[in-house]
């Protein structure tokens, strides 16, 4: 069962990647490989978004936290 990426805009004239910081439009090859299939979890743009969200959710450590 194929499922599209949840971050791709559904209007056919747009196809803007919602996971992208710059609202990029994926190429036909990228769309076929990642956006329009269940393999969207392998998309480098989606992975970058997940990493950004995870790093912003973690509390930032200061250098004094490593001093003994």
C-alpha atoms as a PDB file:
ATOM      1  CA  UNK A   1       0.000   0.000   0.000  1.00  0.00           C
ATOM      2  CA  UNK A   2       1.605   3.241  -1.123  1.00  0.00           C
ATOM      3  CA  UNK A   3       1.300   6.292   1.024  1.00  0.00           C
ATOM      4  CA  UNK A   4       2.468   9.775   0.144  1.00  0.00           C
ATOM      5  CA  UNK A   5       4.706  11.817   2.381  1.00  0.00           C
ATOM      6  CA  UNK A   6       2.633  13.783   4.913  1.00  0.00           C
ATOM      7  CA  UNK A   7       4.681  16.929   4.211  1.00  0.00           C
ATOM      8  CA  UNK A   8       4.030  17.183   0.475  1.00  0.00           C
ATOM      9  CA  UNK A   9       1.431  19.745  -0.521  1.00  0.00           C
ATOM     10  CA  UNK A  10      -1.514  18.086  -2.208  1.00  0.00           C
ATOM     11  CA  UNK A  11      -2.283  20.733  -4.831  1.00  0.00           C
ATOM     12  CA  UNK A  12      -0.863  19.402  -8.109  1.00  0.00           C
ATOM     13  CA  UNK A  13       0.330  22.812  -9.277  1.00  0.00           C
ATOM     14  CA  UNK A  14       2.484  23.237  -6.161  1.00  0.00           C
ATOM     15  CA  UNK A  15       4.077  20.007  -4.932  1.00  0.00           C
ATOM     16  CA  UNK A  16       5.915  22.075  -2.329  1.00  0.00           C
ATOM     17  CA  UNK A  17       7.814  20.107   0.279  1.00  0.00           C
ATOM     18  CA  UNK A  18       6.547  21.116   3.711  1.00  0.00           C
ATOM     19  CA  UNK A  19       9.514  19.411   5.374  1.00  0.00           C
ATOM     20  CA  UNK A  20      11.908  21.783   3.595  1.00  0.00           C
ATOM     21  CA  UNK A  21      13.036  24.980   5.303  1.00  0.00           C
ATOM     22  CA  UNK A  22      13.053  26.754   1.943  1.00  0.00           C
ATOM     23  CA  UNK A  23       9.751  25.315   0.613  1.00  0.00           C
ATOM     24  CA  UNK A  24      11.536  23.533  -2.191  1.00  0.00           C
ATOM     25  CA  UNK A  25       9.724  21.768  -5.004  1.00  0.00           C
ATOM     26  CA  UNK A  26      11.070  18.229  -5.469  1.00  0.00           C
ATOM     27  CA  UNK A  27      12.198  17.138  -8.898  1.00  0.00           C
ATOM     28  CA  UNK A  28      10.238  14.455 -10.738  1.00  0.00           C
ATOM     29  CA  UNK A  29      12.868  11.904  -9.723  1.00  0.00           C
ATOM     30  CA  UNK A  30      12.750  12.937  -6.041  1.00  0.00           C
ATOM     31  CA  UNK A  31       8.965  12.944  -6.061  1.00  0.00           C
ATOM     32  CA  UNK A  32       8.811   9.474  -7.583  1.00  0.00           C
ATOM     33  CA  UNK A  33      11.460   8.083  -5.231  1.00  0.00           C
ATOM     34  CA  UNK A  34      10.412   9.693  -1.951  1.00  0.00           C
ATOM     35  CA  UNK A  35       7.271  11.850  -1.928  1.00  0.00           C
ATOM     36  CA  UNK A  36       4.817   9.674  -3.778  1.00  0.00           C
ATOM     37  CA  UNK A  37       5.679   6.389  -2.133  1.00  0.00           C
ATOM     38  CA  UNK A  38       6.031   4.696   1.205  1.00  0.00           C
ATOM     39  CA  UNK A  39       9.792   5.357   1.006  1.00  0.00           C
ATOM     40  CA  UNK A  40       9.279   8.980   2.072  1.00  0.00           C
ATOM     41  CA  UNK A  41      10.956   8.111   5.398  1.00  0.00           C
ATOM     42  CA  UNK A  42      14.247   7.781   3.436  1.00  0.00           C
ATOM     43  CA  UNK A  43      14.038  11.312   2.039  1.00  0.00           C
ATOM     44  CA  UNK A  44      17.056  13.420   3.049  1.00  0.00           C
ATOM     45  CA  UNK A  45      14.890  16.541   3.450  1.00  0.00           C
ATOM     46  CA  UNK A  46      12.458  14.739   5.756  1.00  0.00           C
ATOM     47  CA  UNK A  47      15.331  13.254   7.767  1.00  0.00           C
ATOM     48  CA  UNK A  48      16.879  16.716   8.154  1.00  0.00           C
ATOM     49  CA  UNK A  49      13.565  18.072   9.465  1.00  0.00           C
ATOM     50  CA  UNK A  50      13.264  15.254  11.991  1.00  0.00           C
ATOM     51  CA  UNK A  51      16.822  15.892  13.184  1.00  0.00           C
ATOM     52  CA  UNK A  52      16.172  19.651  13.483  1.00  0.00           C
ATOM     53  CA  UNK A  53      13.013  19.041  15.487  1.00  0.00           C
ATOM     54  CA  UNK A  54      14.758  16.542  17.746  1.00  0.00           C
ATOM     55  CA  UNK A  55      17.696  18.861  18.418  1.00  0.00           C
ATOM     56  CA  UNK A  56      15.435  21.810  19.222  1.00  0.00           C
ATOM     57  CA  UNK A  57      13.378  19.680  21.614  1.00  0.00           C
ATOM     58  CA  UNK A  58      16.429  18.700  23.680  1.00  0.00           C
ATOM     59  CA  UNK A  59      17.534  21.096  26.381  1.00  0.00           C
ATOM     60  CA  UNK A  60      20.779  22.817  25.427  1.00  0.00           C
ATOM     61  CA  UNK A  61      23.789  21.960  27.563  1.00  0.00           C
ATOM     62  CA  UNK A  62      26.198  24.621  28.622  1.00  0.00           C
ATOM     63  CA  UNK A  63      29.924  24.065  28.838  1.00  0.00           C
ATOM     64  CA  UNK A  64      29.707  24.212  32.659  1.00  0.00           C
ATOM     65  CA  UNK A  65      27.649  21.028  32.607  1.00  0.00           C
ATOM     66  CA  UNK A  66      30.779  19.137  31.577  1.00  0.00           C
ATOM     67  CA  UNK A  67      33.057  20.619  34.255  1.00  0.00           C
ATOM     68  CA  UNK A  68      33.831  18.585  37.333  1.00  0.00           C
END
